[in-house]
């Protein structure tokens, strides 16, 4: 079984990497980009029977810093 975990900074947390991307896009001539939020995607190849609760536990304990990040789990 496969799962993807999408990790993003929570709303209200400053995103300096996103701001650097937004600035660089403007410098390349891409006007109209008002904001960028940068995150990460973690792909997991899991044993059959792994539950979404187990994946959430992985996120809470290691994959995301839940103080400043939120996550979404997609199971395929």
PDB file of N, CA and C in Angstrom:
ATOM      1  N   UNK A   1       0.838  -1.173   0.000  1.00  0.00           N
ATOM      2  CA  UNK A   1       0.000   0.000   0.000  1.00  0.00           C
ATOM      3  C   UNK A   1       0.880   1.231   0.000  1.00  0.00           C
ATOM      4  N   UNK A   2       0.407   2.265  -0.641  1.00  0.00           N
ATOM      5  CA  UNK A   2       1.167   3.505  -0.743  1.00  0.00           C
ATOM      6  C   UNK A   2       0.389   4.622  -0.068  1.00  0.00           C
ATOM      7  N   UNK A   3       1.127   5.528   0.538  1.00  0.00           N
ATOM      8  CA  UNK A   3       0.526   6.715   1.139  1.00  0.00           C
ATOM      9  C   UNK A   3       1.419   7.911   0.842  1.00  0.00           C
ATOM     10  N   UNK A   4       0.783   9.058   0.655  1.00  0.00           N
ATOM     11  CA  UNK A   4       1.511  10.316   0.517  1.00  0.00           C
ATOM     12  C   UNK A   4       1.103  11.207   1.669  1.00  0.00           C
ATOM     13  N   UNK A   5       2.096  11.813   2.295  1.00  0.00           N
ATOM     14  CA  UNK A   5       1.863  12.765   3.373  1.00  0.00           C
ATOM     15  C   UNK A   5       2.289  14.135   2.859  1.00  0.00           C
ATOM     16  N   UNK A   6       1.345  15.064   2.846  1.00  0.00           N
ATOM     17  CA  UNK A   6       1.605  16.436   2.411  1.00  0.00           C
ATOM     18  C   UNK A   6       1.764  17.283   3.666  1.00  0.00           C
ATOM     19  N   UNK A   7       2.942  17.882   3.839  1.00  0.00           N
ATOM     20  CA  UNK A   7       3.246  18.668   5.028  1.00  0.00           C
ATOM     21  C   UNK A   7       3.411  20.133   4.608  1.00  0.00           C
ATOM     22  N   UNK A   8       2.676  21.009   5.296  1.00  0.00           N
ATOM     23  CA  UNK A   8       2.746  22.447   5.015  1.00  0.00           C
ATOM     24  C   UNK A   8       2.847  23.208   6.330  1.00  0.00           C
ATOM     25  N   UNK A   9       3.441  24.397   6.256  1.00  0.00           N
ATOM     26  CA  UNK A   9       3.429  25.270   7.426  1.00  0.00           C
ATOM     27  C   UNK A   9       2.000  25.705   7.699  1.00  0.00           C
ATOM     28  N   UNK A  10       1.652  25.823   8.965  1.00  0.00           N
ATOM     29  CA  UNK A  10       0.315  26.285   9.334  1.00  0.00           C
ATOM     30  C   UNK A  10       0.137  27.744   8.918  1.00  0.00           C
ATOM     31  N   UNK A  11      -1.125  28.116   8.697  1.00  0.00           N
ATOM     32  CA  UNK A  11      -1.431  29.513   8.396  1.00  0.00           C
ATOM     33  C   UNK A  11      -0.940  30.387   9.545  1.00  0.00           C
ATOM     34  N   UNK A  12      -0.364  31.512   9.201  1.00  0.00           N
ATOM     35  CA  UNK A  12       0.148  32.429  10.208  1.00  0.00           C
ATOM     36  C   UNK A  12       1.620  32.216  10.528  1.00  0.00           C
ATOM     37  N   UNK A  13       2.192  31.088  10.120  1.00  0.00           N
ATOM     38  CA  UNK A  13       3.625  30.838  10.333  1.00  0.00           C
ATOM     39  C   UNK A  13       4.372  31.406   9.137  1.00  0.00           C
ATOM     40  N   UNK A  14       5.367  32.246   9.402  1.00  0.00           N
ATOM     41  CA  UNK A  14       6.143  32.834   8.313  1.00  0.00           C
ATOM     42  C   UNK A  14       6.832  31.739   7.503  1.00  0.00           C
ATOM     43  N   UNK A  15       6.860  31.935   6.192  1.00  0.00           N
ATOM     44  CA  UNK A  15       7.448  30.956   5.273  1.00  0.00           C
ATOM     45  C   UNK A  15       8.547  31.642   4.463  1.00  0.00           C
ATOM     46  N   UNK A  16       9.768  31.730   4.999  1.00  0.00           N
ATOM     47  CA  UNK A  16      10.835  32.427   4.279  1.00  0.00           C
ATOM     48  C   UNK A  16      11.191  31.767   2.948  1.00  0.00           C
ATOM     49  N   UNK A  17      11.099  30.438   2.860  1.00  0.00           N
ATOM     50  CA  UNK A  17      11.386  29.774   1.578  1.00  0.00           C
ATOM     51  C   UNK A  17      10.326  30.138   0.547  1.00  0.00           C
ATOM     52  N   UNK A  18       9.083  30.148   0.955  1.00  0.00           N
ATOM     53  CA  UNK A  18       8.011  30.554   0.051  1.00  0.00           C
ATOM     54  C   UNK A  18       8.191  31.984  -0.428  1.00  0.00           C
ATOM     55  N   UNK A  19       8.590  32.869   0.474  1.00  0.00           N
ATOM     56  CA  UNK A  19       8.811  34.266   0.102  1.00  0.00           C
ATOM     57  C   UNK A  19       9.986  34.386  -0.867  1.00  0.00           C
ATOM     58  N   UNK A  20      11.049  33.603  -0.663  1.00  0.00           N
ATOM     59  CA  UNK A  20      12.189  33.624  -1.580  1.00  0.00           C
ATOM     60  C   UNK A  20      11.764  33.130  -2.970  1.00  0.00           C
ATOM     61  N   UNK A  21      10.914  32.112  -3.030  1.00  0.00           N
ATOM     62  CA  UNK A  21      10.413  31.612  -4.307  1.00  0.00           C
ATOM     63  C   UNK A  21       9.574  32.680  -4.997  1.00  0.00           C
ATOM     64  N   UNK A  22       8.678  33.325  -4.226  1.00  0.00           N
ATOM     65  CA  UNK A  22       7.832  34.385  -4.788  1.00  0.00           C
ATOM     66  C   UNK A  22       8.691  35.509  -5.369  1.00  0.00           C
ATOM     67  N   UNK A  23       9.718  35.906  -4.636  1.00  0.00           N
ATOM     68  CA  UNK A  23      10.619  36.973  -5.105  1.00  0.00           C
ATOM     69  C   UNK A  23      11.354  36.532  -6.380  1.00  0.00           C
ATOM     70  N   UNK A  24      11.855  35.301  -6.404  1.00  0.00           N
ATOM     71  CA  UNK A  24      12.591  34.809  -7.572  1.00  0.00           C
ATOM     72  C   UNK A  24      11.678  34.715  -8.797  1.00  0.00           C
ATOM     73  N   UNK A  25      10.435  34.309  -8.613  1.00  0.00           N
ATOM     74  CA  UNK A  25       9.501  34.262  -9.744  1.00  0.00           C
ATOM     75  C   UNK A  25       9.273  35.651 -10.310  1.00  0.00           C
ATOM     76  N   UNK A  26       9.147  36.643  -9.435  1.00  0.00           N
ATOM     77  CA  UNK A  26       9.006  38.026  -9.894  1.00  0.00           C
ATOM     78  C   UNK A  26      10.227  38.482 -10.667  1.00  0.00           C
ATOM     79  N   UNK A  27      11.414  38.107 -10.198  1.00  0.00           N
ATOM     80  CA  UNK A  27      12.656  38.494 -10.880  1.00  0.00           C
ATOM     81  C   UNK A  27      12.763  37.828 -12.255  1.00  0.00           C
ATOM     82  N   UNK A  28      12.112  36.678 -12.420  1.00  0.00           N
ATOM     83  CA  UNK A  28      12.116  35.982 -13.706  1.00  0.00           C
ATOM     84  C   UNK A  28      11.015  36.483 -14.639  1.00  0.00           C
ATOM     85  N   UNK A  29      10.252  37.470 -14.177  1.00  0.00           N
ATOM     86  CA  UNK A  29       9.231  38.058 -15.025  1.00  0.00           C
ATOM     87  C   UNK A  29       7.834  37.494 -14.825  1.00  0.00           C
ATOM     88  N   UNK A  30       7.646  36.654 -13.838  1.00  0.00           N
ATOM     89  CA  UNK A  30       6.323  36.103 -13.564  1.00  0.00           C
ATOM     90  C   UNK A  30       5.592  37.033 -12.593  1.00  0.00           C
ATOM     91  N   UNK A  31       4.984  38.065 -13.158  1.00  0.00           N
ATOM     92  CA  UNK A  31       4.252  39.030 -12.348  1.00  0.00           C
ATOM     93  C   UNK A  31       2.927  38.429 -11.900  1.00  0.00           C
ATOM     94  N   UNK A  32       2.385  38.930 -10.838  1.00  0.00           N
ATOM     95  CA  UNK A  32       1.081  38.492 -10.377  1.00  0.00           C
ATOM     96  C   UNK A  32       1.111  37.349  -9.389  1.00  0.00           C
ATOM     97  N   UNK A  33       2.286  36.892  -8.987  1.00  0.00           N
ATOM     98  CA  UNK A  33       2.361  35.863  -7.950  1.00  0.00           C
ATOM     99  C   UNK A  33       2.371  36.599  -6.613  1.00  0.00           C
ATOM    100  N   UNK A  34       1.250  36.553  -5.919  1.00  0.00           N
ATOM    101  CA  UNK A  34       1.096  37.330  -4.694  1.00  0.00           C
ATOM    102  C   UNK A  34       1.573  36.595  -3.445  1.00  0.00           C
ATOM    103  N   UNK A  35       1.684  35.291  -3.517  1.00  0.00           N
ATOM    104  CA  UNK A  35       2.135  34.540  -2.354  1.00  0.00           C
ATOM    105  C   UNK A  35       2.497  33.122  -2.734  1.00  0.00           C
ATOM    106  N   UNK A  36       3.452  32.565  -2.011  1.00  0.00           N
ATOM    107  CA  UNK A  36       3.879  31.170  -2.220  1.00  0.00           C
ATOM    108  C   UNK A  36       4.045  30.542  -0.844  1.00  0.00           C
ATOM    109  N   UNK A  37       3.496  29.345  -0.676  1.00  0.00           N
ATOM    110  CA  UNK A  37       3.713  28.540   0.520  1.00  0.00           C
ATOM    111  C   UNK A  37       4.441  27.279   0.070  1.00  0.00           C
ATOM    112  N   UNK A  38       5.559  26.994   0.663  1.00  0.00           N
ATOM    113  CA  UNK A  38       6.383  25.860   0.275  1.00  0.00           C
ATOM    114  C   UNK A  38       6.207  24.754   1.297  1.00  0.00           C
ATOM    115  N   UNK A  39       6.093  23.512   0.820  1.00  0.00           N
ATOM    116  CA  UNK A  39       5.936  22.375   1.725  1.00  0.00           C
ATOM    117  C   UNK A  39       6.727  21.178   1.230  1.00  0.00           C
ATOM    118  N   UNK A  40       6.334  20.016   1.700  1.00  0.00           N
ATOM    119  CA  UNK A  40       7.018  18.790   1.277  1.00  0.00           C
ATOM    120  C   UNK A  40       6.005  17.663   1.154  1.00  0.00           C
ATOM    121  N   UNK A  41       6.348  16.697   0.320  1.00  0.00           N
ATOM    122  CA  UNK A  41       5.543  15.486   0.148  1.00  0.00           C
ATOM    123  C   UNK A  41       6.424  14.299   0.498  1.00  0.00           C
ATOM    124  N   UNK A  42       5.911  13.439   1.347  1.00  0.00           N
ATOM    125  CA  UNK A  42       6.630  12.237   1.752  1.00  0.00           C
ATOM    126  C   UNK A  42       5.832  11.041   1.250  1.00  0.00           C
ATOM    127  N   UNK A  43       6.457  10.199   0.422  1.00  0.00           N
ATOM    128  CA  UNK A  43       5.797   8.999  -0.095  1.00  0.00           C
ATOM    129  C   UNK A  43       6.218   7.807   0.747  1.00  0.00           C
ATOM    130  N   UNK A  44       5.235   7.058   1.212  1.00  0.00           N
ATOM    131  CA  UNK A  44       5.495   5.885   2.042  1.00  0.00           C
ATOM    132  C   UNK A  44       5.012   4.631   1.326  1.00  0.00           C
ATOM    133  N   UNK A  45       5.833   3.602   1.308  1.00  0.00           N
ATOM    134  CA  UNK A  45       5.443   2.283   0.803  1.00  0.00           C
ATOM    135  C   UNK A  45       5.251   1.414   2.041  1.00  0.00           C
ATOM    136  N   UNK A  46       4.001   1.082   2.337  1.00  0.00           N
ATOM    137  CA  UNK A  46       3.654   0.463   3.612  1.00  0.00           C
ATOM    138  C   UNK A  46       3.125  -0.951   3.433  1.00  0.00           C
ATOM    139  N   UNK A  47       3.229  -1.747   4.479  1.00  0.00           N
ATOM    140  CA  UNK A  47       2.664  -3.094   4.482  1.00  0.00           C
ATOM    141  C   UNK A  47       1.142  -3.002   4.433  1.00  0.00           C
ATOM    142  N   UNK A  48       0.513  -3.942   3.736  1.00  0.00           N
ATOM    143  CA  UNK A  48      -0.946  -4.002   3.722  1.00  0.00           C
ATOM    144  C   UNK A  48      -1.447  -4.100   5.158  1.00  0.00           C
ATOM    145  N   UNK A  49      -2.532  -3.416   5.420  1.00  0.00           N
ATOM    146  CA  UNK A  49      -3.099  -3.448   6.761  1.00  0.00           C
ATOM    147  C   UNK A  49      -2.662  -2.290   7.634  1.00  0.00           C
ATOM    148  N   UNK A  50      -1.706  -1.491   7.149  1.00  0.00           N
ATOM    149  CA  UNK A  50      -1.318  -0.303   7.904  1.00  0.00           C
ATOM    150  C   UNK A  50      -2.510   0.649   7.933  1.00  0.00           C
ATOM    151  N   UNK A  51      -2.849   1.127   9.095  1.00  0.00           N
ATOM    152  CA  UNK A  51      -4.034   1.966   9.228  1.00  0.00           C
ATOM    153  C   UNK A  51      -3.681   3.446   9.086  1.00  0.00           C
ATOM    154  N   UNK A  52      -4.706   4.232   8.777  1.00  0.00           N
ATOM    155  CA  UNK A  52      -4.500   5.680   8.698  1.00  0.00           C
ATOM    156  C   UNK A  52      -4.096   6.234  10.065  1.00  0.00           C
ATOM    157  N   UNK A  53      -4.598   5.629  11.119  1.00  0.00           N
ATOM    158  CA  UNK A  53      -4.214   6.052  12.467  1.00  0.00           C
ATOM    159  C   UNK A  53      -2.718   5.822  12.712  1.00  0.00           C
ATOM    160  N   UNK A  54      -2.185   4.729  12.192  1.00  0.00           N
ATOM    161  CA  UNK A  54      -0.744   4.473  12.330  1.00  0.00           C
ATOM    162  C   UNK A  54       0.064   5.500  11.545  1.00  0.00           C
ATOM    163  N   UNK A  55      -0.419   5.846  10.356  1.00  0.00           N
ATOM    164  CA  UNK A  55       0.277   6.847   9.547  1.00  0.00           C
ATOM    165  C   UNK A  55       0.222   8.202  10.241  1.00  0.00           C
ATOM    166  N   UNK A  56      -0.922   8.543  10.808  1.00  0.00           N
ATOM    167  CA  UNK A  56      -1.042   9.801  11.552  1.00  0.00           C
ATOM    168  C   UNK A  56      -0.080   9.812  12.736  1.00  0.00           C
ATOM    169  N   UNK A  57       0.084   8.680  13.397  1.00  0.00           N
ATOM    170  CA  UNK A  57       1.037   8.588  14.508  1.00  0.00           C
ATOM    171  C   UNK A  57       2.456   8.828  14.018  1.00  0.00           C
ATOM    172  N   UNK A  58       2.797   8.287  12.828  1.00  0.00           N
ATOM    173  CA  UNK A  58       4.117   8.538  12.225  1.00  0.00           C
ATOM    174  C   UNK A  58       4.310  10.038  12.007  1.00  0.00           C
ATOM    175  N   UNK A  59       3.269  10.683  11.496  1.00  0.00           N
ATOM    176  CA  UNK A  59       3.343  12.127  11.236  1.00  0.00           C
ATOM    177  C   UNK A  59       3.525  12.905  12.526  1.00  0.00           C
ATOM    178  N   UNK A  60       2.720  12.570  13.532  1.00  0.00           N
ATOM    179  CA  UNK A  60       2.775  13.288  14.799  1.00  0.00           C
ATOM    180  C   UNK A  60       4.108  13.114  15.510  1.00  0.00           C
ATOM    181  N   UNK A  61       4.719  11.952  15.347  1.00  0.00           N
ATOM    182  CA  UNK A  61       5.944  11.658  16.086  1.00  0.00           C
ATOM    183  C   UNK A  61       7.227  11.988  15.329  1.00  0.00           C
ATOM    184  N   UNK A  62       7.177  12.036  13.972  1.00  0.00           N
ATOM    185  CA  UNK A  62       8.420  12.222  13.226  1.00  0.00           C
ATOM    186  C   UNK A  62       8.288  13.073  11.972  1.00  0.00           C
ATOM    187  N   UNK A  63       7.294  12.817  11.150  1.00  0.00           N
ATOM    188  CA  UNK A  63       7.279  13.385   9.796  1.00  0.00           C
ATOM    189  C   UNK A  63       6.893  14.855   9.743  1.00  0.00           C
ATOM    190  N   UNK A  64       6.155  15.344  10.728  1.00  0.00           N
ATOM    191  CA  UNK A  64       5.748  16.744  10.742  1.00  0.00           C
ATOM    192  C   UNK A  64       6.005  17.342  12.125  1.00  0.00           C
ATOM    193  N   UNK A  65       6.394  18.582  12.131  1.00  0.00           N
ATOM    194  CA  UNK A  65       6.514  19.331  13.385  1.00  0.00           C
ATOM    195  C   UNK A  65       5.154  19.960  13.629  1.00  0.00           C
ATOM    196  N   UNK A  66       4.323  19.292  14.400  1.00  0.00           N
ATOM    197  CA  UNK A  66       2.925  19.698  14.518  1.00  0.00           C
ATOM    198  C   UNK A  66       2.721  21.017  15.265  1.00  0.00           C
ATOM    199  N   UNK A  67       3.782  21.568  15.825  1.00  0.00           N
ATOM    200  CA  UNK A  67       3.676  22.895  16.432  1.00  0.00           C
ATOM    201  C   UNK A  67       3.497  23.944  15.338  1.00  0.00           C
ATOM    202  N   UNK A  68       4.221  23.784  14.221  1.00  0.00           N
ATOM    203  CA  UNK A  68       4.177  24.795  13.154  1.00  0.00           C
ATOM    204  C   UNK A  68       3.703  24.254  11.814  1.00  0.00           C
ATOM    205  N   UNK A  69       3.524  22.924  11.705  1.00  0.00           N
ATOM    206  CA  UNK A  69       3.133  22.320  10.430  1.00  0.00           C
ATOM    207  C   UNK A  69       1.828  21.538  10.576  1.00  0.00           C
ATOM    208  N   UNK A  70       1.082  21.496   9.477  1.00  0.00           N
ATOM    209  CA  UNK A  70      -0.075  20.617   9.384  1.00  0.00           C
ATOM    210  C   UNK A  70       0.223  19.584   8.302  1.00  0.00           C
ATOM    211  N   UNK A  71      -0.562  18.515   8.277  1.00  0.00           N
ATOM    212  CA  UNK A  71      -0.332  17.480   7.277  1.00  0.00           C
ATOM    213  C   UNK A  71      -1.655  16.920   6.798  1.00  0.00           C
ATOM    214  N   UNK A  72      -1.594  16.341   5.598  1.00  0.00           N
ATOM    215  CA  UNK A  72      -2.734  15.650   5.004  1.00  0.00           C
ATOM    216  C   UNK A  72      -2.241  14.309   4.482  1.00  0.00           C
ATOM    217  N   UNK A  73      -2.995  13.256   4.708  1.00  0.00           N
ATOM    218  CA  UNK A  73      -2.612  11.909   4.291  1.00  0.00           C
ATOM    219  C   UNK A  73      -3.488  11.484   3.132  1.00  0.00           C
ATOM    220  N   UNK A  74      -2.876  11.041   2.028  1.00  0.00           N
ATOM    221  CA  UNK A  74      -3.576  10.460   0.886  1.00  0.00           C
ATOM    222  C   UNK A  74      -3.137   9.005   0.762  1.00  0.00           C
ATOM    223  N   UNK A  75      -4.084   8.095   0.826  1.00  0.00           N
ATOM    224  CA  UNK A  75      -3.778   6.661   0.714  1.00  0.00           C
ATOM    225  C   UNK A  75      -4.223   6.182  -0.664  1.00  0.00           C
ATOM    226  N   UNK A  76      -3.305   5.502  -1.350  1.00  0.00           N
ATOM    227  CA  UNK A  76      -3.612   4.981  -2.686  1.00  0.00           C
ATOM    228  C   UNK A  76      -3.766   3.474  -2.648  1.00  0.00           C
TER     229      UNK A  76
END
